[in-house]
Amino acid sequence: MAELLNKESFKEKVFNFETNKEWKFEGNRPAILDFYADWCGPCKTLAPIFEELSKEYEGKIDFYKVDTEKEQELAAMFGIRSIPTIMFMNTDGKEPQVVQGALPKPQLKEVIEQVFEVKGE
């Protein structure tokens, strides 16, 4: 199941922007982060797909969500202007890859398997 992050848990699990100026992913395994808002129609469409994927890739990829209404500082820091915005973060030290919009599940799985080189169920 996707974990909802606030500023403190974000710094611990994704990126501690207060101590690092350059991108440094804090996770031990790849992660996907969904920037969303409760009022956003496409976000509501994506939510059940995101949960299904979190079960399919359990133990391989961490799934996180950030509510852009409650965590405006995080959204601003990453320049999130449209939602949903999905970040794919790998443990290889490279900058995260970003996809905007609610992709259908097959397309999301394709991106996951390309970016992380993992297979789901």
N, C-alpha and C. Protein backbone atom coordinates (compact mmCIF):
# COMPACT_ATOMS: atom_id res chain seq x y z
N MET A 1 0.83 -1.19 0.00
CA MET A 1 0.00 0.00 0.00
C MET A 1 0.88 1.25 0.00
N ALA A 2 0.43 2.25 -0.73
CA ALA A 2 1.21 3.50 -0.82
C ALA A 2 1.18 4.23 0.53
N GLU A 3 2.33 4.78 0.88
CA GLU A 3 2.46 5.50 2.15
C GLU A 3 2.35 7.01 1.90
N LEU A 4 1.50 7.67 2.68
CA LEU A 4 1.33 9.12 2.59
C LEU A 4 2.48 9.79 3.34
N LEU A 5 3.20 10.69 2.65
CA LEU A 5 4.34 11.35 3.26
C LEU A 5 4.02 12.79 3.63
N ASN A 6 4.60 13.23 4.75
CA ASN A 6 4.60 14.64 5.10
C ASN A 6 6.04 15.12 4.93
N LYS A 7 6.31 16.36 5.28
CA LYS A 7 7.64 16.93 5.08
C LYS A 7 8.72 16.10 5.79
N GLU A 8 8.48 15.73 7.05
CA GLU A 8 9.49 14.98 7.81
C GLU A 8 9.74 13.59 7.24
N SER A 9 8.68 12.85 6.94
CA SER A 9 8.88 11.50 6.39
C SER A 9 9.46 11.57 4.98
N PHE A 10 9.14 12.63 4.23
CA PHE A 10 9.72 12.83 2.91
C PHE A 10 11.24 12.98 3.01
N LYS A 11 11.68 13.81 3.96
CA LYS A 11 13.12 14.03 4.13
C LYS A 11 13.83 12.73 4.52
N GLU A 12 13.16 11.90 5.29
CA GLU A 12 13.75 10.65 5.76
C GLU A 12 13.78 9.57 4.68
N LYS A 13 12.73 9.49 3.87
CA LYS A 13 12.59 8.37 2.94
C LYS A 13 12.90 8.71 1.49
N VAL A 14 12.84 10.00 1.12
CA VAL A 14 13.02 10.37 -0.28
C VAL A 14 14.23 11.27 -0.47
N PHE A 15 14.18 12.49 0.06
CA PHE A 15 15.25 13.44 -0.17
C PHE A 15 15.30 14.45 0.96
N ASN A 16 16.43 14.50 1.65
CA ASN A 16 16.59 15.47 2.73
C ASN A 16 17.15 16.76 2.14
N PHE A 17 16.22 17.62 1.70
CA PHE A 17 16.60 18.85 1.03
C PHE A 17 17.19 19.89 1.97
N GLU A 18 17.10 19.67 3.26
CA GLU A 18 17.68 20.62 4.21
C GLU A 18 19.17 20.38 4.42
N THR A 19 19.63 19.13 4.22
CA THR A 19 21.05 18.85 4.39
C THR A 19 21.78 18.65 3.06
N ASN A 20 21.05 18.32 2.00
CA ASN A 20 21.67 18.07 0.69
C ASN A 20 21.22 19.12 -0.31
N LYS A 21 22.18 19.71 -0.99
CA LYS A 21 21.84 20.67 -2.06
C LYS A 21 21.65 19.92 -3.38
N GLU A 22 22.43 18.88 -3.59
CA GLU A 22 22.31 18.05 -4.79
C GLU A 22 21.36 16.89 -4.49
N TRP A 23 20.69 16.39 -5.53
CA TRP A 23 19.77 15.27 -5.36
C TRP A 23 20.47 14.07 -4.76
N LYS A 24 19.90 13.52 -3.69
CA LYS A 24 20.41 12.29 -3.08
C LYS A 24 19.20 11.53 -2.55
N PHE A 25 18.83 10.48 -3.29
CA PHE A 25 17.69 9.67 -2.89
C PHE A 25 18.03 8.89 -1.64
N GLU A 26 17.17 8.97 -0.63
CA GLU A 26 17.42 8.34 0.67
C GLU A 26 16.98 6.88 0.75
N GLY A 27 16.22 6.41 -0.24
CA GLY A 27 15.66 5.05 -0.17
C GLY A 27 16.66 3.96 -0.42
N ASN A 28 16.31 2.75 0.03
CA ASN A 28 17.14 1.56 -0.17
C ASN A 28 16.73 0.78 -1.40
N ARG A 29 15.55 1.06 -1.91
CA ARG A 29 15.09 0.42 -3.14
C ARG A 29 14.33 1.46 -3.96
N PRO A 30 14.11 1.20 -5.24
CA PRO A 30 13.41 2.18 -6.08
C PRO A 30 12.08 2.59 -5.47
N ALA A 31 11.64 3.80 -5.82
CA ALA A 31 10.39 4.32 -5.28
C ALA A 31 9.65 5.14 -6.34
N ILE A 32 8.33 5.16 -6.18
CA ILE A 32 7.47 5.96 -7.04
C ILE A 32 6.69 6.89 -6.12
N LEU A 33 6.66 8.16 -6.49
CA LEU A 33 6.00 9.17 -5.66
C LEU A 33 4.92 9.84 -6.49
N ASP A 34 3.71 9.84 -5.95
CA ASP A 34 2.55 10.45 -6.61
C ASP A 34 2.21 11.76 -5.91
N PHE A 35 2.37 12.89 -6.62
CA PHE A 35 1.91 14.18 -6.11
C PHE A 35 0.45 14.33 -6.56
N TYR A 36 -0.47 14.49 -5.60
CA TYR A 36 -1.90 14.50 -5.91
C TYR A 36 -2.62 15.53 -5.04
N ALA A 37 -3.92 15.69 -5.32
CA ALA A 37 -4.82 16.48 -4.46
C ALA A 37 -6.17 15.79 -4.45
N ASP A 38 -6.89 15.89 -3.34
CA ASP A 38 -8.19 15.22 -3.20
C ASP A 38 -9.23 15.72 -4.21
N TRP A 39 -9.13 16.98 -4.63
CA TRP A 39 -10.12 17.56 -5.54
C TRP A 39 -9.84 17.24 -7.01
N CYS A 40 -8.72 16.61 -7.30
CA CYS A 40 -8.26 16.38 -8.68
C CYS A 40 -8.88 15.11 -9.27
N GLY A 41 -9.67 15.28 -10.32
CA GLY A 41 -10.32 14.14 -10.99
C GLY A 41 -9.35 13.08 -11.49
N PRO A 42 -8.34 13.46 -12.30
CA PRO A 42 -7.38 12.46 -12.78
C PRO A 42 -6.64 11.75 -11.63
N CYS A 43 -6.43 12.47 -10.51
CA CYS A 43 -5.77 11.86 -9.34
C CYS A 43 -6.65 10.74 -8.78
N LYS A 44 -7.95 10.98 -8.74
CA LYS A 44 -8.89 9.97 -8.24
C LYS A 44 -8.91 8.76 -9.15
N THR A 45 -8.74 8.98 -10.46
CA THR A 45 -8.68 7.88 -11.41
C THR A 45 -7.41 7.06 -11.19
N LEU A 46 -6.32 7.75 -10.90
CA LEU A 46 -5.02 7.09 -10.72
C LEU A 46 -4.92 6.34 -9.40
N ALA A 47 -5.59 6.81 -8.35
CA ALA A 47 -5.43 6.27 -7.00
C ALA A 47 -5.58 4.74 -6.91
N PRO A 48 -6.67 4.14 -7.44
CA PRO A 48 -6.78 2.67 -7.32
C PRO A 48 -5.71 1.93 -8.13
N ILE A 49 -5.31 2.50 -9.25
CA ILE A 49 -4.25 1.88 -10.07
C ILE A 49 -2.94 1.90 -9.29
N PHE A 50 -2.66 3.02 -8.65
CA PHE A 50 -1.44 3.17 -7.85
C PHE A 50 -1.41 2.13 -6.73
N GLU A 51 -2.57 1.91 -6.07
CA GLU A 51 -2.66 0.91 -5.00
C GLU A 51 -2.44 -0.50 -5.54
N GLU A 52 -3.04 -0.81 -6.69
CA GLU A 52 -2.85 -2.13 -7.30
C GLU A 52 -1.37 -2.37 -7.61
N LEU A 53 -0.73 -1.36 -8.18
CA LEU A 53 0.69 -1.49 -8.52
C LEU A 53 1.55 -1.65 -7.27
N SER A 54 1.16 -0.97 -6.19
CA SER A 54 1.94 -1.09 -4.95
C SER A 54 1.89 -2.52 -4.42
N LYS A 55 0.80 -3.21 -4.65
CA LYS A 55 0.70 -4.63 -4.24
C LYS A 55 1.49 -5.52 -5.18
N GLU A 56 1.40 -5.24 -6.48
CA GLU A 56 2.10 -6.07 -7.48
C GLU A 56 3.62 -6.00 -7.34
N TYR A 57 4.12 -4.84 -6.94
CA TYR A 57 5.57 -4.65 -6.83
C TYR A 57 6.03 -4.61 -5.37
N GLU A 58 5.20 -5.11 -4.48
CA GLU A 58 5.55 -5.10 -3.05
C GLU A 58 6.88 -5.80 -2.81
N GLY A 59 7.74 -5.15 -2.01
CA GLY A 59 9.06 -5.71 -1.73
C GLY A 59 10.10 -5.36 -2.77
N LYS A 60 9.67 -4.81 -3.92
CA LYS A 60 10.60 -4.44 -4.99
C LYS A 60 10.70 -2.92 -5.15
N ILE A 61 9.55 -2.25 -4.99
CA ILE A 61 9.47 -0.80 -5.18
C ILE A 61 8.63 -0.22 -4.05
N ASP A 62 9.05 0.92 -3.50
CA ASP A 62 8.25 1.62 -2.49
C ASP A 62 7.34 2.62 -3.20
N PHE A 63 6.11 2.72 -2.73
CA PHE A 63 5.13 3.65 -3.31
C PHE A 63 4.76 4.69 -2.26
N TYR A 64 4.89 5.97 -2.65
CA TYR A 64 4.60 7.08 -1.76
C TYR A 64 3.62 8.05 -2.42
N LYS A 65 2.88 8.78 -1.58
CA LYS A 65 1.97 9.82 -2.05
C LYS A 65 2.23 11.10 -1.27
N VAL A 66 2.11 12.24 -1.94
CA VAL A 66 2.22 13.54 -1.29
C VAL A 66 0.99 14.35 -1.69
N ASP A 67 0.24 14.79 -0.69
CA ASP A 67 -0.93 15.64 -0.90
C ASP A 67 -0.42 17.07 -1.11
N THR A 68 -0.56 17.58 -2.32
CA THR A 68 0.00 18.90 -2.66
C THR A 68 -0.71 20.04 -1.93
N GLU A 69 -1.92 19.80 -1.44
CA GLU A 69 -2.63 20.83 -0.67
C GLU A 69 -2.03 20.97 0.73
N LYS A 70 -1.68 19.83 1.33
CA LYS A 70 -1.13 19.85 2.69
C LYS A 70 0.37 20.08 2.71
N GLU A 71 1.05 19.67 1.66
CA GLU A 71 2.52 19.76 1.60
C GLU A 71 2.93 20.67 0.45
N GLN A 72 2.50 21.92 0.51
CA GLN A 72 2.76 22.86 -0.58
C GLN A 72 4.25 23.14 -0.77
N GLU A 73 5.00 23.08 0.32
CA GLU A 73 6.45 23.32 0.22
C GLU A 73 7.11 22.25 -0.64
N LEU A 74 6.71 20.98 -0.46
CA LEU A 74 7.29 19.89 -1.25
C LEU A 74 6.91 20.04 -2.72
N ALA A 75 5.66 20.35 -2.98
CA ALA A 75 5.21 20.53 -4.37
C ALA A 75 5.97 21.67 -5.02
N ALA A 76 6.14 22.77 -4.31
CA ALA A 76 6.85 23.93 -4.86
C ALA A 76 8.32 23.61 -5.11
N MET A 77 8.93 22.87 -4.21
CA MET A 77 10.34 22.53 -4.34
C MET A 77 10.62 21.77 -5.64
N PHE A 78 9.68 20.91 -6.04
CA PHE A 78 9.86 20.12 -7.26
C PHE A 78 9.18 20.76 -8.46
N GLY A 79 8.65 21.97 -8.29
CA GLY A 79 8.03 22.68 -9.39
C GLY A 79 6.78 21.98 -9.92
N ILE A 80 6.02 21.35 -9.04
CA ILE A 80 4.82 20.63 -9.46
C ILE A 80 3.76 21.67 -9.83
N ARG A 81 3.41 21.70 -11.11
CA ARG A 81 2.42 22.67 -11.59
C ARG A 81 1.13 21.99 -12.04
N SER A 82 1.20 20.72 -12.37
CA SER A 82 0.00 19.99 -12.74
C SER A 82 0.01 18.66 -12.00
N ILE A 83 -1.17 18.19 -11.65
CA ILE A 83 -1.27 16.93 -10.93
C ILE A 83 -2.27 16.04 -11.65
N PRO A 84 -2.11 14.74 -11.56
CA PRO A 84 -1.03 14.08 -10.83
C PRO A 84 0.32 14.20 -11.55
N THR A 85 1.37 14.26 -10.75
CA THR A 85 2.74 14.18 -11.25
C THR A 85 3.39 13.01 -10.53
N ILE A 86 3.99 12.13 -11.29
CA ILE A 86 4.59 10.92 -10.72
C ILE A 86 6.10 10.98 -10.92
N MET A 87 6.83 10.77 -9.81
CA MET A 87 8.29 10.74 -9.86
C MET A 87 8.77 9.31 -9.68
N PHE A 88 9.69 8.90 -10.54
CA PHE A 88 10.31 7.58 -10.45
C PHE A 88 11.74 7.79 -9.96
N MET A 89 12.03 7.27 -8.75
CA MET A 89 13.34 7.49 -8.14
C MET A 89 14.07 6.16 -8.00
N ASN A 90 15.28 6.12 -8.55
CA ASN A 90 16.06 4.90 -8.50
C ASN A 90 17.23 5.08 -7.53
N THR A 91 17.81 3.98 -7.14
CA THR A 91 18.91 4.02 -6.17
C THR A 91 20.26 4.26 -6.85
N ASP A 92 20.26 4.57 -8.15
CA ASP A 92 21.50 4.73 -8.91
C ASP A 92 22.10 6.14 -8.80
N GLY A 93 21.47 7.02 -8.03
CA GLY A 93 22.00 8.36 -7.84
C GLY A 93 21.59 9.36 -8.90
N LYS A 94 20.92 8.90 -9.96
CA LYS A 94 20.48 9.81 -11.02
C LYS A 94 19.24 10.57 -10.58
N GLU A 95 19.03 11.73 -11.22
CA GLU A 95 17.84 12.54 -10.95
C GLU A 95 16.58 11.71 -11.22
N PRO A 96 15.50 11.98 -10.49
CA PRO A 96 14.27 11.23 -10.72
C PRO A 96 13.68 11.54 -12.10
N GLN A 97 12.98 10.56 -12.64
CA GLN A 97 12.25 10.77 -13.89
C GLN A 97 10.83 11.16 -13.52
N VAL A 98 10.25 12.08 -14.28
CA VAL A 98 8.93 12.62 -13.95
C VAL A 98 7.96 12.41 -15.10
N VAL A 99 6.75 11.98 -14.74
CA VAL A 99 5.67 11.81 -15.71
C VAL A 99 4.47 12.59 -15.18
N GLN A 100 3.84 13.36 -16.06
CA GLN A 100 2.66 14.12 -15.64
C GLN A 100 1.40 13.48 -16.23
N GLY A 101 0.33 13.52 -15.45
CA GLY A 101 -0.95 13.00 -15.91
C GLY A 101 -1.21 11.60 -15.40
N ALA A 102 -2.49 11.21 -15.49
CA ALA A 102 -2.91 9.88 -15.03
C ALA A 102 -2.75 8.88 -16.16
N LEU A 103 -1.67 8.15 -16.14
CA LEU A 103 -1.44 7.14 -17.16
C LEU A 103 -2.28 5.90 -16.86
N PRO A 104 -2.72 5.18 -17.92
CA PRO A 104 -3.41 3.91 -17.67
C PRO A 104 -2.43 2.88 -17.10
N LYS A 105 -2.97 1.89 -16.41
CA LYS A 105 -2.13 0.90 -15.73
C LYS A 105 -1.11 0.22 -16.65
N PRO A 106 -1.50 -0.24 -17.85
CA PRO A 106 -0.48 -0.90 -18.71
C PRO A 106 0.69 0.02 -19.04
N GLN A 107 0.40 1.30 -19.28
CA GLN A 107 1.45 2.26 -19.60
C GLN A 107 2.34 2.53 -18.38
N LEU A 108 1.73 2.62 -17.20
CA LEU A 108 2.51 2.82 -15.97
C LEU A 108 3.43 1.62 -15.72
N LYS A 109 2.90 0.41 -15.92
CA LYS A 109 3.73 -0.79 -15.73
C LYS A 109 4.91 -0.78 -16.69
N GLU A 110 4.67 -0.34 -17.91
CA GLU A 110 5.72 -0.27 -18.91
C GLU A 110 6.83 0.68 -18.46
N VAL A 111 6.44 1.86 -17.96
CA VAL A 111 7.41 2.84 -17.47
C VAL A 111 8.19 2.26 -16.28
N ILE A 112 7.47 1.63 -15.34
CA ILE A 112 8.10 1.02 -14.16
C ILE A 112 9.15 0.00 -14.59
N GLU A 113 8.78 -0.87 -15.53
CA GLU A 113 9.70 -1.93 -15.95
C GLU A 113 10.88 -1.38 -16.73
N GLN A 114 10.68 -0.29 -17.46
CA GLN A 114 11.80 0.33 -18.18
C GLN A 114 12.74 1.05 -17.23
N VAL A 115 12.18 1.85 -16.33
CA VAL A 115 13.00 2.68 -15.44
C VAL A 115 13.72 1.82 -14.40
N PHE A 116 13.01 0.85 -13.82
CA PHE A 116 13.58 0.08 -12.70
C PHE A 116 14.06 -1.31 -13.09
N GLU A 117 13.78 -1.73 -14.32
CA GLU A 117 14.17 -3.06 -14.77
C GLU A 117 13.71 -4.15 -13.81
N VAL A 118 12.43 -4.07 -13.43
CA VAL A 118 11.81 -5.09 -12.59
C VAL A 118 10.51 -5.55 -13.25
N LYS A 119 10.08 -6.75 -12.88
CA LYS A 119 8.82 -7.29 -13.37
C LYS A 119 7.85 -7.40 -12.20
N GLY A 120 6.60 -7.06 -12.47
CA GLY A 120 5.55 -7.21 -11.48
C GLY A 120 4.93 -8.60 -11.57
N GLU A 121 3.77 -8.74 -10.96
CA GLU A 121 3.07 -10.03 -11.00
C GLU A 121 2.56 -10.30 -12.40
